[in-house]
Amino acid sequence: MLTAINPKLPMRDKEVTREFYLNKLGFKEIGDYDGYLMVRKDKIEIHFFEFKELDPKENYGQVYIRTDNIEDFCQILLDNKTSIHPNGPLETKPGGQKEFSVLDPDTNLLTFGPSI
């Protein structure tokens, strides 16, 4: 019955969010409404709602995104000069899962790991 999940994350500035996801992460815009933005890359779709009063230091938005080639995807982001989270470099974690993380402009944490 269930076919997909599309997380909704807060954003303070739609233009800043759009620029980051399109130019740094390679997403494409699929919707732009008053206070709302939707982006997609491959089968991953993320929605953003405007929250101008968001304090990035108090934002705990997180998404775990599966990828089928984590090394290549991480290198693409590095080539795009995307900052990898200082505590989340590409490495094998204690549970055996290889992953890395990125913070977006509103400190939403995006963690990327291989499909299981």
PDB file of N, CA and C in Angstrom:
ATOM      1  N   MET A   1       0.808  -1.208   0.000  1.00  0.00           N
ATOM      2  CA  MET A   1       0.000   0.000   0.000  1.00  0.00           C
ATOM      3  C   MET A   1       0.847   1.266   0.000  1.00  0.00           C
ATOM      4  N   LEU A   2       1.816   1.361   0.899  1.00  0.00           N
ATOM      5  CA  LEU A   2       2.654   2.555   0.966  1.00  0.00           C
ATOM      6  C   LEU A   2       3.681   2.504  -0.159  1.00  0.00           C
ATOM      7  N   THR A   3       3.927   3.628  -0.801  1.00  0.00           N
ATOM      8  CA  THR A   3       4.834   3.621  -1.955  1.00  0.00           C
ATOM      9  C   THR A   3       6.001   4.582  -1.846  1.00  0.00           C
ATOM     10  N   ALA A   4       5.918   5.598  -1.020  1.00  0.00           N
ATOM     11  CA  ALA A   4       7.015   6.560  -0.924  1.00  0.00           C
ATOM     12  C   ALA A   4       6.840   7.412   0.323  1.00  0.00           C
ATOM     13  N   ILE A   5       7.916   8.070   0.708  1.00  0.00           N
ATOM     14  CA  ILE A   5       7.850   9.043   1.797  1.00  0.00           C
ATOM     15  C   ILE A   5       8.556  10.302   1.312  1.00  0.00           C
ATOM     16  N   ASN A   6       7.944  11.440   1.567  1.00  0.00           N
ATOM     17  CA  ASN A   6       8.489  12.724   1.151  1.00  0.00           C
ATOM     18  C   ASN A   6       8.577  13.622   2.375  1.00  0.00           C
ATOM     19  N   PRO A   7       9.763  13.685   2.977  1.00  0.00           N
ATOM     20  CA  PRO A   7       9.891  14.493   4.196  1.00  0.00           C
ATOM     21  C   PRO A   7       9.631  15.968   3.928  1.00  0.00           C
ATOM     22  N   LYS A   8       9.116  16.642   4.950  1.00  0.00           N
ATOM     23  CA  LYS A   8       8.887  18.087   4.914  1.00  0.00           C
ATOM     24  C   LYS A   8       9.817  18.712   5.945  1.00  0.00           C
ATOM     25  N   LEU A   9      10.713  19.574   5.462  1.00  0.00           N
ATOM     26  CA  LEU A   9      11.708  20.198   6.323  1.00  0.00           C
ATOM     27  C   LEU A   9      11.500  21.713   6.357  1.00  0.00           C
ATOM     28  N   PRO A  10      11.878  22.349   7.449  1.00  0.00           N
ATOM     29  CA  PRO A  10      11.733  23.803   7.529  1.00  0.00           C
ATOM     30  C   PRO A  10      12.829  24.525   6.738  1.00  0.00           C
ATOM     31  N   MET A  11      12.465  25.702   6.219  1.00  0.00           N
ATOM     32  CA  MET A  11      13.435  26.566   5.539  1.00  0.00           C
ATOM     33  C   MET A  11      13.138  28.004   5.923  1.00  0.00           C
ATOM     34  N   ARG A  12      14.187  28.797   6.075  1.00  0.00           N
ATOM     35  CA  ARG A  12      14.011  30.215   6.372  1.00  0.00           C
ATOM     36  C   ARG A  12      13.877  31.042   5.106  1.00  0.00           C
ATOM     37  N   ASP A  13      14.615  30.687   4.066  1.00  0.00           N
ATOM     38  CA  ASP A  13      14.675  31.488   2.853  1.00  0.00           C
ATOM     39  C   ASP A  13      14.611  30.550   1.646  1.00  0.00           C
ATOM     40  N   LYS A  14      13.542  30.623   0.896  1.00  0.00           N
ATOM     41  CA  LYS A  14      13.328  29.715  -0.229  1.00  0.00           C
ATOM     42  C   LYS A  14      14.446  29.796  -1.264  1.00  0.00           C
ATOM     43  N   GLU A  15      14.930  30.994  -1.559  1.00  0.00           N
ATOM     44  CA  GLU A  15      15.984  31.140  -2.567  1.00  0.00           C
ATOM     45  C   GLU A  15      17.281  30.465  -2.121  1.00  0.00           C
ATOM     46  N   VAL A  16      17.629  30.607  -0.869  1.00  0.00           N
ATOM     47  CA  VAL A  16      18.842  29.985  -0.335  1.00  0.00           C
ATOM     48  C   VAL A  16      18.701  28.463  -0.371  1.00  0.00           C
ATOM     49  N   THR A  17      17.542  27.964   0.048  1.00  0.00           N
ATOM     50  CA  THR A  17      17.286  26.521   0.031  1.00  0.00           C
ATOM     51  C   THR A  17      17.330  25.992  -1.397  1.00  0.00           C
ATOM     52  N   ARG A  18      16.652  26.670  -2.307  1.00  0.00           N
ATOM     53  CA  ARG A  18      16.641  26.260  -3.714  1.00  0.00           C
ATOM     54  C   ARG A  18      18.069  26.183  -4.268  1.00  0.00           C
ATOM     55  N   GLU A  19      18.855  27.220  -4.041  1.00  0.00           N
ATOM     56  CA  GLU A  19      20.218  27.265  -4.569  1.00  0.00           C
ATOM     57  C   GLU A  19      21.042  26.095  -4.032  1.00  0.00           C
ATOM     58  N   PHE A  20      20.923  25.813  -2.745  1.00  0.00           N
ATOM     59  CA  PHE A  20      21.691  24.726  -2.145  1.00  0.00           C
ATOM     60  C   PHE A  20      21.311  23.378  -2.750  1.00  0.00           C
ATOM     61  N   TYR A  21      20.032  23.065  -2.769  1.00  0.00           N
ATOM     62  CA  TYR A  21      19.604  21.746  -3.233  1.00  0.00           C
ATOM     63  C   TYR A  21      19.808  21.558  -4.731  1.00  0.00           C
ATOM     64  N   LEU A  22      19.597  22.597  -5.517  1.00  0.00           N
ATOM     65  CA  LEU A  22      19.782  22.466  -6.956  1.00  0.00           C
ATOM     66  C   LEU A  22      21.257  22.500  -7.341  1.00  0.00           C
ATOM     67  N   ASN A  23      22.009  23.452  -6.820  1.00  0.00           N
ATOM     68  CA  ASN A  23      23.389  23.639  -7.267  1.00  0.00           C
ATOM     69  C   ASN A  23      24.421  22.828  -6.495  1.00  0.00           C
ATOM     70  N   LYS A  24      24.169  22.524  -5.246  1.00  0.00           N
ATOM     71  CA  LYS A  24      25.136  21.763  -4.453  1.00  0.00           C
ATOM     72  C   LYS A  24      24.841  20.261  -4.444  1.00  0.00           C
ATOM     73  N   LEU A  25      23.543  19.895  -4.400  1.00  0.00           N
ATOM     74  CA  LEU A  25      23.184  18.485  -4.283  1.00  0.00           C
ATOM     75  C   LEU A  25      22.639  17.873  -5.571  1.00  0.00           C
ATOM     76  N   GLY A  26      22.366  18.706  -6.581  1.00  0.00           N
ATOM     77  CA  GLY A  26      21.926  18.178  -7.865  1.00  0.00           C
ATOM     78  C   GLY A  26      20.454  17.838  -7.977  1.00  0.00           C
ATOM     79  N   PHE A  27      19.629  18.379  -7.074  1.00  0.00           N
ATOM     80  CA  PHE A  27      18.184  18.167  -7.173  1.00  0.00           C
ATOM     81  C   PHE A  27      17.603  19.063  -8.262  1.00  0.00           C
ATOM     82  N   LYS A  28      16.385  18.754  -8.680  1.00  0.00           N
ATOM     83  CA  LYS A  28      15.641  19.593  -9.617  1.00  0.00           C
ATOM     84  C   LYS A  28      14.385  20.092  -8.914  1.00  0.00           C
ATOM     85  N   GLU A  29      14.004  21.311  -9.211  1.00  0.00           N
ATOM     86  CA  GLU A  29      12.788  21.869  -8.624  1.00  0.00           C
ATOM     87  C   GLU A  29      11.571  21.262  -9.306  1.00  0.00           C
ATOM     88  N   ILE A  30      10.594  20.830  -8.508  1.00  0.00           N
ATOM     89  CA  ILE A  30       9.370  20.268  -9.075  1.00  0.00           C
ATOM     90  C   ILE A  30       8.124  21.014  -8.608  1.00  0.00           C
ATOM     91  N   GLY A  31       8.285  21.972  -7.708  1.00  0.00           N
ATOM     92  CA  GLY A  31       7.143  22.747  -7.239  1.00  0.00           C
ATOM     93  C   GLY A  31       7.584  23.947  -6.445  1.00  0.00           C
ATOM     94  N   ASP A  32       6.927  25.078  -6.703  1.00  0.00           N
ATOM     95  CA  ASP A  32       7.233  26.321  -5.989  1.00  0.00           C
ATOM     96  C   ASP A  32       5.912  27.032  -5.742  1.00  0.00           C
ATOM     97  N   TYR A  33       5.520  27.066  -4.484  1.00  0.00           N
ATOM     98  CA  TYR A  33       4.263  27.677  -4.093  1.00  0.00           C
ATOM     99  C   TYR A  33       4.539  28.712  -3.021  1.00  0.00           C
ATOM    100  N   ASP A  34       3.554  29.450  -2.645  1.00  0.00           N
ATOM    101  CA  ASP A  34       3.704  30.461  -1.604  1.00  0.00           C
ATOM    102  C   ASP A  34       4.177  29.801  -0.310  1.00  0.00           C
ATOM    103  N   GLY A  35       5.439  30.040   0.060  1.00  0.00           N
ATOM    104  CA  GLY A  35       5.979  29.484   1.292  1.00  0.00           C
ATOM    105  C   GLY A  35       6.279  28.009   1.246  1.00  0.00           C
ATOM    106  N   TYR A  36       6.374  27.419   0.066  1.00  0.00           N
ATOM    107  CA  TYR A  36       6.562  25.973  -0.054  1.00  0.00           C
ATOM    108  C   TYR A  36       7.426  25.681  -1.272  1.00  0.00           C
ATOM    109  N   LEU A  37       8.336  24.725  -1.147  1.00  0.00           N
ATOM    110  CA  LEU A  37       9.240  24.336  -2.230  1.00  0.00           C
ATOM    111  C   LEU A  37       9.340  22.818  -2.259  1.00  0.00           C
ATOM    112  N   MET A  38       9.384  22.241  -3.467  1.00  0.00           N
ATOM    113  CA  MET A  38       9.550  20.801  -3.615  1.00  0.00           C
ATOM    114  C   MET A  38      10.696  20.540  -4.589  1.00  0.00           C
ATOM    115  N   VAL A  39      11.582  19.607  -4.215  1.00  0.00           N
ATOM    116  CA  VAL A  39      12.701  19.239  -5.070  1.00  0.00           C
ATOM    117  C   VAL A  39      12.776  17.718  -5.184  1.00  0.00           C
ATOM    118  N   ARG A  40      13.427  17.259  -6.281  1.00  0.00           N
ATOM    119  CA  ARG A  40      13.548  15.817  -6.506  1.00  0.00           C
ATOM    120  C   ARG A  40      14.903  15.523  -7.130  1.00  0.00           C
ATOM    121  N   LYS A  41      15.459  14.389  -6.736  1.00  0.00           N
ATOM    122  CA  LYS A  41      16.653  13.824  -7.372  1.00  0.00           C
ATOM    123  C   LYS A  41      16.425  12.326  -7.428  1.00  0.00           C
ATOM    124  N   ASP A  42      16.463  11.782  -8.636  1.00  0.00           N
ATOM    125  CA  ASP A  42      16.180  10.364  -8.843  1.00  0.00           C
ATOM    126  C   ASP A  42      14.815  10.041  -8.225  1.00  0.00           C
ATOM    127  N   LYS A  43      14.747   9.154  -7.234  1.00  0.00           N
ATOM    128  CA  LYS A  43      13.462   8.795  -6.622  1.00  0.00           C
ATOM    129  C   LYS A  43      13.218   9.509  -5.300  1.00  0.00           C
ATOM    130  N   ILE A  44      14.107  10.441  -4.944  1.00  0.00           N
ATOM    131  CA  ILE A  44      14.015  11.141  -3.661  1.00  0.00           C
ATOM    132  C   ILE A  44      13.342  12.496  -3.863  1.00  0.00           C
ATOM    133  N   GLU A  45      12.302  12.745  -3.096  1.00  0.00           N
ATOM    134  CA  GLU A  45      11.582  14.015  -3.145  1.00  0.00           C
ATOM    135  C   GLU A  45      11.558  14.602  -1.737  1.00  0.00           C
ATOM    136  N   ILE A  46      11.949  15.882  -1.634  1.00  0.00           N
ATOM    137  CA  ILE A  46      11.929  16.570  -0.347  1.00  0.00           C
ATOM    138  C   ILE A  46      11.099  17.835  -0.502  1.00  0.00           C
ATOM    139  N   HIS A  47      10.243  18.086   0.488  1.00  0.00           N
ATOM    140  CA  HIS A  47       9.414  19.290   0.517  1.00  0.00           C
ATOM    141  C   HIS A  47       9.930  20.204   1.625  1.00  0.00           C
ATOM    142  N   PHE A  48       9.769  21.504   1.427  1.00  0.00           N
ATOM    143  CA  PHE A  48      10.194  22.493   2.413  1.00  0.00           C
ATOM    144  C   PHE A  48       9.066  23.466   2.678  1.00  0.00           C
ATOM    145  N   PHE A  49       8.853  23.774   3.937  1.00  0.00           N
ATOM    146  CA  PHE A  49       7.854  24.771   4.309  1.00  0.00           C
ATOM    147  C   PHE A  49       8.571  25.968   4.909  1.00  0.00           C
ATOM    148  N   GLU A  50       8.059  27.141   4.625  1.00  0.00           N
ATOM    149  CA  GLU A  50       8.682  28.369   5.104  1.00  0.00           C
ATOM    150  C   GLU A  50       8.489  28.527   6.612  1.00  0.00           C
ATOM    151  N   PHE A  51       9.594  28.808   7.281  1.00  0.00           N
ATOM    152  CA  PHE A  51       9.597  29.031   8.726  1.00  0.00           C
ATOM    153  C   PHE A  51      10.652  30.102   8.982  1.00  0.00           C
ATOM    154  N   LYS A  52      10.286  31.336   8.716  1.00  0.00           N
ATOM    155  CA  LYS A  52      11.228  32.458   8.779  1.00  0.00           C
ATOM    156  C   LYS A  52      11.836  32.645  10.168  1.00  0.00           C
ATOM    157  N   GLU A  53      11.112  32.271  11.213  1.00  0.00           N
ATOM    158  CA  GLU A  53      11.591  32.468  12.576  1.00  0.00           C
ATOM    159  C   GLU A  53      12.469  31.320  13.059  1.00  0.00           C
ATOM    160  N   LEU A  54      12.737  30.347  12.209  1.00  0.00           N
ATOM    161  CA  LEU A  54      13.537  29.187  12.594  1.00  0.00           C
ATOM    162  C   LEU A  54      14.913  29.621  13.095  1.00  0.00           C
ATOM    163  N   ASP A  55      15.285  29.121  14.241  1.00  0.00           N
ATOM    164  CA  ASP A  55      16.631  29.306  14.760  1.00  0.00           C
ATOM    165  C   ASP A  55      17.419  28.063  14.363  1.00  0.00           C
ATOM    166  N   PRO A  56      18.375  28.176  13.427  1.00  0.00           N
ATOM    167  CA  PRO A  56      19.107  26.993  12.967  1.00  0.00           C
ATOM    168  C   PRO A  56      19.764  26.205  14.095  1.00  0.00           C
ATOM    169  N   LYS A  57      20.110  26.862  15.197  1.00  0.00           N
ATOM    170  CA  LYS A  57      20.729  26.163  16.326  1.00  0.00           C
ATOM    171  C   LYS A  57      19.727  25.274  17.056  1.00  0.00           C
ATOM    172  N   GLU A  58      18.430  25.480  16.785  1.00  0.00           N
ATOM    173  CA  GLU A  58      17.396  24.687  17.441  1.00  0.00           C
ATOM    174  C   GLU A  58      16.641  23.803  16.456  1.00  0.00           C
ATOM    175  N   ASN A  59      17.172  23.649  15.254  1.00  0.00           N
ATOM    176  CA  ASN A  59      16.532  22.819  14.239  1.00  0.00           C
ATOM    177  C   ASN A  59      17.095  21.405  14.302  1.00  0.00           C
ATOM    178  N   TYR A  60      16.208  20.441  14.447  1.00  0.00           N
ATOM    179  CA  TYR A  60      16.625  19.048  14.527  1.00  0.00           C
ATOM    180  C   TYR A  60      16.092  18.226  13.361  1.00  0.00           C
ATOM    181  N   GLY A  61      15.770  18.906  12.231  1.00  0.00           N
ATOM    182  CA  GLY A  61      15.304  18.194  11.049  1.00  0.00           C
ATOM    183  C   GLY A  61      16.383  17.246  10.539  1.00  0.00           C
ATOM    184  N   GLN A  62      15.988  16.004  10.275  1.00  0.00           N
ATOM    185  CA  GLN A  62      16.934  15.005   9.793  1.00  0.00           C
ATOM    186  C   GLN A  62      16.266  14.083   8.788  1.00  0.00           C
ATOM    187  N   VAL A  63      17.037  13.686   7.777  1.00  0.00           N
ATOM    188  CA  VAL A  63      16.557  12.735   6.781  1.00  0.00           C
ATOM    189  C   VAL A  63      17.692  11.760   6.485  1.00  0.00           C
ATOM    190  N   TYR A  64      17.376  10.483   6.402  1.00  0.00           N
ATOM    191  CA  TYR A  64      18.352   9.473   5.992  1.00  0.00           C
ATOM    192  C   TYR A  64      18.004   9.071   4.571  1.00  0.00           C
ATOM    193  N   ILE A  65      18.950   9.231   3.655  1.00  0.00           N
ATOM    194  CA  ILE A  65      18.708   8.985   2.233  1.00  0.00           C
ATOM    195  C   ILE A  65      19.598   7.840   1.765  1.00  0.00           C
ATOM    196  N   ARG A  66      18.981   6.833   1.175  1.00  0.00           N
ATOM    197  CA  ARG A  66      19.718   5.677   0.654  1.00  0.00           C
ATOM    198  C   ARG A  66      20.254   5.987  -0.738  1.00  0.00           C
ATOM    199  N   THR A  67      21.450   5.492  -1.018  1.00  0.00           N
ATOM    200  CA  THR A  67      22.063   5.661  -2.328  1.00  0.00           C
ATOM    201  C   THR A  67      22.690   4.336  -2.757  1.00  0.00           C
ATOM    202  N   ASP A  68      22.764   4.098  -4.065  1.00  0.00           N
ATOM    203  CA  ASP A  68      23.333   2.839  -4.527  1.00  0.00           C
ATOM    204  C   ASP A  68      24.820   2.941  -4.861  1.00  0.00           C
ATOM    205  N   ASN A  69      25.399   4.152  -4.734  1.00  0.00           N
ATOM    206  CA  ASN A  69      26.836   4.297  -4.952  1.00  0.00           C
ATOM    207  C   ASN A  69      27.342   5.452  -4.101  1.00  0.00           C
ATOM    208  N   ILE A  70      27.532   5.185  -2.842  1.00  0.00           N
ATOM    209  CA  ILE A  70      27.833   6.243  -1.880  1.00  0.00           C
ATOM    210  C   ILE A  70      29.167   6.926  -2.154  1.00  0.00           C
ATOM    211  N   GLU A  71      30.173   6.169  -2.573  1.00  0.00           N
ATOM    212  CA  GLU A  71      31.481   6.783  -2.827  1.00  0.00           C
ATOM    213  C   GLU A  71      31.407   7.799  -3.959  1.00  0.00           C
ATOM    214  N   ASP A  72      30.772   7.421  -5.073  1.00  0.00           N
ATOM    215  CA  ASP A  72      30.650   8.335  -6.211  1.00  0.00           C
ATOM    216  C   ASP A  72      29.804   9.555  -5.865  1.00  0.00           C
ATOM    217  N   PHE A  73      28.697   9.334  -5.131  1.00  0.00           N
ATOM    218  CA  PHE A  73      27.839  10.462  -4.779  1.00  0.00           C
ATOM    219  C   PHE A  73      28.575  11.435  -3.859  1.00  0.00           C
ATOM    220  N   CYS A  74      29.306  10.913  -2.904  1.00  0.00           N
ATOM    221  CA  CYS A  74      30.083  11.774  -2.013  1.00  0.00           C
ATOM    222  C   CYS A  74      31.105  12.576  -2.814  1.00  0.00           C
ATOM    223  N   GLN A  75      31.758  11.948  -3.779  1.00  0.00           N
ATOM    224  CA  GLN A  75      32.751  12.648  -4.597  1.00  0.00           C
ATOM    225  C   GLN A  75      32.103  13.735  -5.443  1.00  0.00           C
ATOM    226  N   ILE A  76      30.906  13.484  -5.963  1.00  0.00           N
ATOM    227  CA  ILE A  76      30.176  14.500  -6.730  1.00  0.00           C
ATOM    228  C   ILE A  76      29.920  15.725  -5.858  1.00  0.00           C
ATOM    229  N   LEU A  77      29.495  15.496  -4.624  1.00  0.00           N
ATOM    230  CA  LEU A  77      29.242  16.617  -3.722  1.00  0.00           C
ATOM    231  C   LEU A  77      30.531  17.370  -3.414  1.00  0.00           C
ATOM    232  N   LEU A  78      31.597  16.651  -3.190  1.00  0.00           N
ATOM    233  CA  LEU A  78      32.883  17.309  -2.941  1.00  0.00           C
ATOM    234  C   LEU A  78      33.325  18.117  -4.157  1.00  0.00           C
ATOM    235  N   ASP A  79      33.123  17.574  -5.353  1.00  0.00           N
ATOM    236  CA  ASP A  79      33.463  18.294  -6.589  1.00  0.00           C
ATOM    237  C   ASP A  79      32.635  19.566  -6.733  1.00  0.00           C
ATOM    238  N   ASN A  80      31.385  19.545  -6.209  1.00  0.00           N
ATOM    239  CA  ASN A  80      30.509  20.720  -6.229  1.00  0.00           C
ATOM    240  C   ASN A  80      30.816  21.673  -5.084  1.00  0.00           C
ATOM    241  N   LYS A  81      31.872  21.373  -4.318  1.00  0.00           N
ATOM    242  CA  LYS A  81      32.286  22.179  -3.174  1.00  0.00           C
ATOM    243  C   LYS A  81      31.206  22.224  -2.087  1.00  0.00           C
ATOM    244  N   THR A  82      30.505  21.119  -1.946  1.00  0.00           N
ATOM    245  CA  THR A  82      29.515  20.969  -0.882  1.00  0.00           C
ATOM    246  C   THR A  82      30.249  20.552   0.386  1.00  0.00           C
ATOM    247  N   SER A  83      30.005  21.247   1.475  1.00  0.00           N
ATOM    248  CA  SER A  83      30.667  20.925   2.740  1.00  0.00           C
ATOM    249  C   SER A  83      30.064  19.667   3.349  1.00  0.00           C
ATOM    250  N   ILE A  84      30.926  18.728   3.643  1.00  0.00           N
ATOM    251  CA  ILE A  84      30.508  17.527   4.368  1.00  0.00           C
ATOM    252  C   ILE A  84      30.524  17.871   5.853  1.00  0.00           C
ATOM    253  N   HIS A  85      29.541  17.392   6.582  1.00  0.00           N
ATOM    254  CA  HIS A  85      29.452  17.678   8.019  1.00  0.00           C
ATOM    255  C   HIS A  85      30.758  17.270   8.694  1.00  0.00           C
ATOM    256  N   PRO A  86      31.320  18.140   9.548  1.00  0.00           N
ATOM    257  CA  PRO A  86      32.610  17.811  10.179  1.00  0.00           C
ATOM    258  C   PRO A  86      32.566  16.545  11.026  1.00  0.00           C
ATOM    259  N   ASN A  87      31.409  16.197  11.551  1.00  0.00           N
ATOM    260  CA  ASN A  87      31.279  14.960  12.329  1.00  0.00           C
ATOM    261  C   ASN A  87      30.710  13.828  11.489  1.00  0.00           C
ATOM    262  N   GLY A  88      30.568  14.045  10.183  1.00  0.00           N
ATOM    263  CA  GLY A  88      29.937  13.030   9.346  1.00  0.00           C
ATOM    264  C   GLY A  88      30.652  12.752   8.050  1.00  0.00           C
ATOM    265  N   PRO A  89      31.999  12.591   8.067  1.00  0.00           N
ATOM    266  CA  PRO A  89      32.694  12.270   6.824  1.00  0.00           C
ATOM    267  C   PRO A  89      32.333  10.863   6.356  1.00  0.00           C
ATOM    268  N   LEU A  90      32.598  10.589   5.107  1.00  0.00           N
ATOM    269  CA  LEU A  90      32.347   9.253   4.569  1.00  0.00           C
ATOM    270  C   LEU A  90      33.208   8.245   5.310  1.00  0.00           C
ATOM    271  N   GLU A  91      32.545   7.358   6.045  1.00  0.00           N
ATOM    272  CA  GLU A  91      33.252   6.324   6.787  1.00  0.00           C
ATOM    273  C   GLU A  91      32.285   5.215   7.161  1.00  0.00           C
ATOM    274  N   THR A  92      32.843   4.092   7.523  1.00  0.00           N
ATOM    275  CA  THR A  92      32.028   2.977   7.997  1.00  0.00           C
ATOM    276  C   THR A  92      31.759   3.190   9.478  1.00  0.00           C
ATOM    277  N   LYS A  93      30.500   3.238   9.832  1.00  0.00           N
ATOM    278  CA  LYS A  93      30.088   3.492  11.212  1.00  0.00           C
ATOM    279  C   LYS A  93      30.144   2.199  12.031  1.00  0.00           C
ATOM    280  N   PRO A  94      30.035   2.292  13.370  1.00  0.00           N
ATOM    281  CA  PRO A  94      30.151   1.095  14.220  1.00  0.00           C
ATOM    282  C   PRO A  94      29.215  -0.050  13.833  1.00  0.00           C
ATOM    283  N   GLY A  95      28.051   0.229  13.300  1.00  0.00           N
ATOM    284  CA  GLY A  95      27.129  -0.837  12.905  1.00  0.00           C
ATOM    285  C   GLY A  95      27.462  -1.461  11.565  1.00  0.00           C
ATOM    286  N   GLY A  96      28.544  -0.987  10.921  1.00  0.00           N
ATOM    287  CA  GLY A  96      28.948  -1.538   9.639  1.00  0.00           C
ATOM    288  C   GLY A  96      28.394  -0.797   8.438  1.00  0.00           C
ATOM    289  N   GLN A  97      27.594   0.248   8.681  1.00  0.00           N
ATOM    290  CA  GLN A  97      26.983   1.026   7.613  1.00  0.00           C
ATOM    291  C   GLN A  97      27.937   2.140   7.180  1.00  0.00           C
ATOM    292  N   LYS A  98      28.239   2.228   5.891  1.00  0.00           N
ATOM    293  CA  LYS A  98      29.079   3.309   5.369  1.00  0.00           C
ATOM    294  C   LYS A  98      28.167   4.480   5.047  1.00  0.00           C
ATOM    295  N   GLU A  99      28.503   5.660   5.576  1.00  0.00           N
ATOM    296  CA  GLU A  99      27.635   6.823   5.365  1.00  0.00           C
ATOM    297  C   GLU A  99      28.411   8.115   5.545  1.00  0.00           C
ATOM    298  N   PHE A 100      27.753   9.227   5.149  1.00  0.00           N
ATOM    299  CA  PHE A 100      28.272  10.569   5.389  1.00  0.00           C
ATOM    300  C   PHE A 100      27.084  11.506   5.531  1.00  0.00           C
ATOM    301  N   SER A 101      27.347  12.716   6.051  1.00  0.00           N
ATOM    302  CA  SER A 101      26.265  13.669   6.318  1.00  0.00           C
ATOM    303  C   SER A 101      26.606  15.058   5.811  1.00  0.00           C
ATOM    304  N   VAL A 102      25.552  15.811   5.533  1.00  0.00           N
ATOM    305  CA  VAL A 102      25.632  17.192   5.064  1.00  0.00           C
ATOM    306  C   VAL A 102      24.593  17.996   5.831  1.00  0.00           C
ATOM    307  N   LEU A 103      24.930  19.220   6.187  1.00  0.00           N
ATOM    308  CA  LEU A 103      23.947  20.148   6.760  1.00  0.00           C
ATOM    309  C   LEU A 103      23.520  21.124   5.679  1.00  0.00           C
ATOM    310  N   ASP A 104      22.205  21.349   5.564  1.00  0.00           N
ATOM    311  CA  ASP A 104      21.742  22.363   4.614  1.00  0.00           C
ATOM    312  C   ASP A 104      21.789  23.738   5.283  1.00  0.00           C
ATOM    313  N   PRO A 105      21.445  24.809   4.587  1.00  0.00           N
ATOM    314  CA  PRO A 105      21.558  26.152   5.164  1.00  0.00           C
ATOM    315  C   PRO A 105      20.747  26.383   6.437  1.00  0.00           C
ATOM    316  N   ASP A 106      19.749  25.544   6.700  1.00  0.00           N
ATOM    317  CA  ASP A 106      18.927  25.682   7.906  1.00  0.00           C
ATOM    318  C   ASP A 106      19.270  24.632   8.958  1.00  0.00           C
ATOM    319  N   THR A 107      20.379  23.961   8.775  1.00  0.00           N
ATOM    320  CA  THR A 107      20.902  22.887   9.620  1.00  0.00           C
ATOM    321  C   THR A 107      20.018  21.642   9.655  1.00  0.00           C
ATOM    322  N   ASN A 108      19.246  21.417   8.592  1.00  0.00           N
ATOM    323  CA  ASN A 108      18.614  20.117   8.422  1.00  0.00           C
ATOM    324  C   ASN A 108      19.739  19.145   8.094  1.00  0.00           C
ATOM    325  N   LEU A 109      19.803  18.025   8.812  1.00  0.00           N
ATOM    326  CA  LEU A 109      20.861  17.044   8.622  1.00  0.00           C
ATOM    327  C   LEU A 109      20.424  16.017   7.583  1.00  0.00           C
ATOM    328  N   LEU A 110      21.216  15.904   6.525  1.00  0.00           N
ATOM    329  CA  LEU A 110      20.977  14.888   5.489  1.00  0.00           C
ATOM    330  C   LEU A 110      22.087  13.862   5.615  1.00  0.00           C
ATOM    331  N   THR A 111      21.721  12.631   5.945  1.00  0.00           N
ATOM    332  CA  THR A 111      22.691  11.550   6.048  1.00  0.00           C
ATOM    333  C   THR A 111      22.449  10.607   4.878  1.00  0.00           C
ATOM    334  N   PHE A 112      23.528  10.247   4.198  1.00  0.00           N
ATOM    335  CA  PHE A 112      23.461   9.380   3.028  1.00  0.00           C
ATOM    336  C   PHE A 112      24.127   8.059   3.355  1.00  0.00           C
ATOM    337  N   GLY A 113      23.458   6.979   2.995  1.00  0.00           N
ATOM    338  CA  GLY A 113      23.994   5.636   3.225  1.00  0.00           C
ATOM    339  C   GLY A 113      23.556   4.706   2.116  1.00  0.00           C
ATOM    340  N   PRO A 114      24.223   3.560   1.986  1.00  0.00           N
ATOM    341  CA  PRO A 114      23.882   2.627   0.908  1.00  0.00           C
ATOM    342  C   PRO A 114      22.550   1.933   1.159  1.00  0.00           C
ATOM    343  N   SER A 115      21.969   1.476   0.069  1.00  0.00           N
ATOM    344  CA  SER A 115      20.743   0.684   0.176  1.00  0.00           C
ATOM    345  C   SER A 115      21.053  -0.605   0.921  1.00  0.00           C
ATOM    346  N   ILE A 116      20.062  -1.081   1.657  1.00  0.00           N
ATOM    347  CA  ILE A 116      20.274  -2.328   2.383  1.00  0.00           C
ATOM    348  C   ILE A 116      19.432  -3.429   1.760  1.00  0.00           C
TER     349      ILE A 116
END
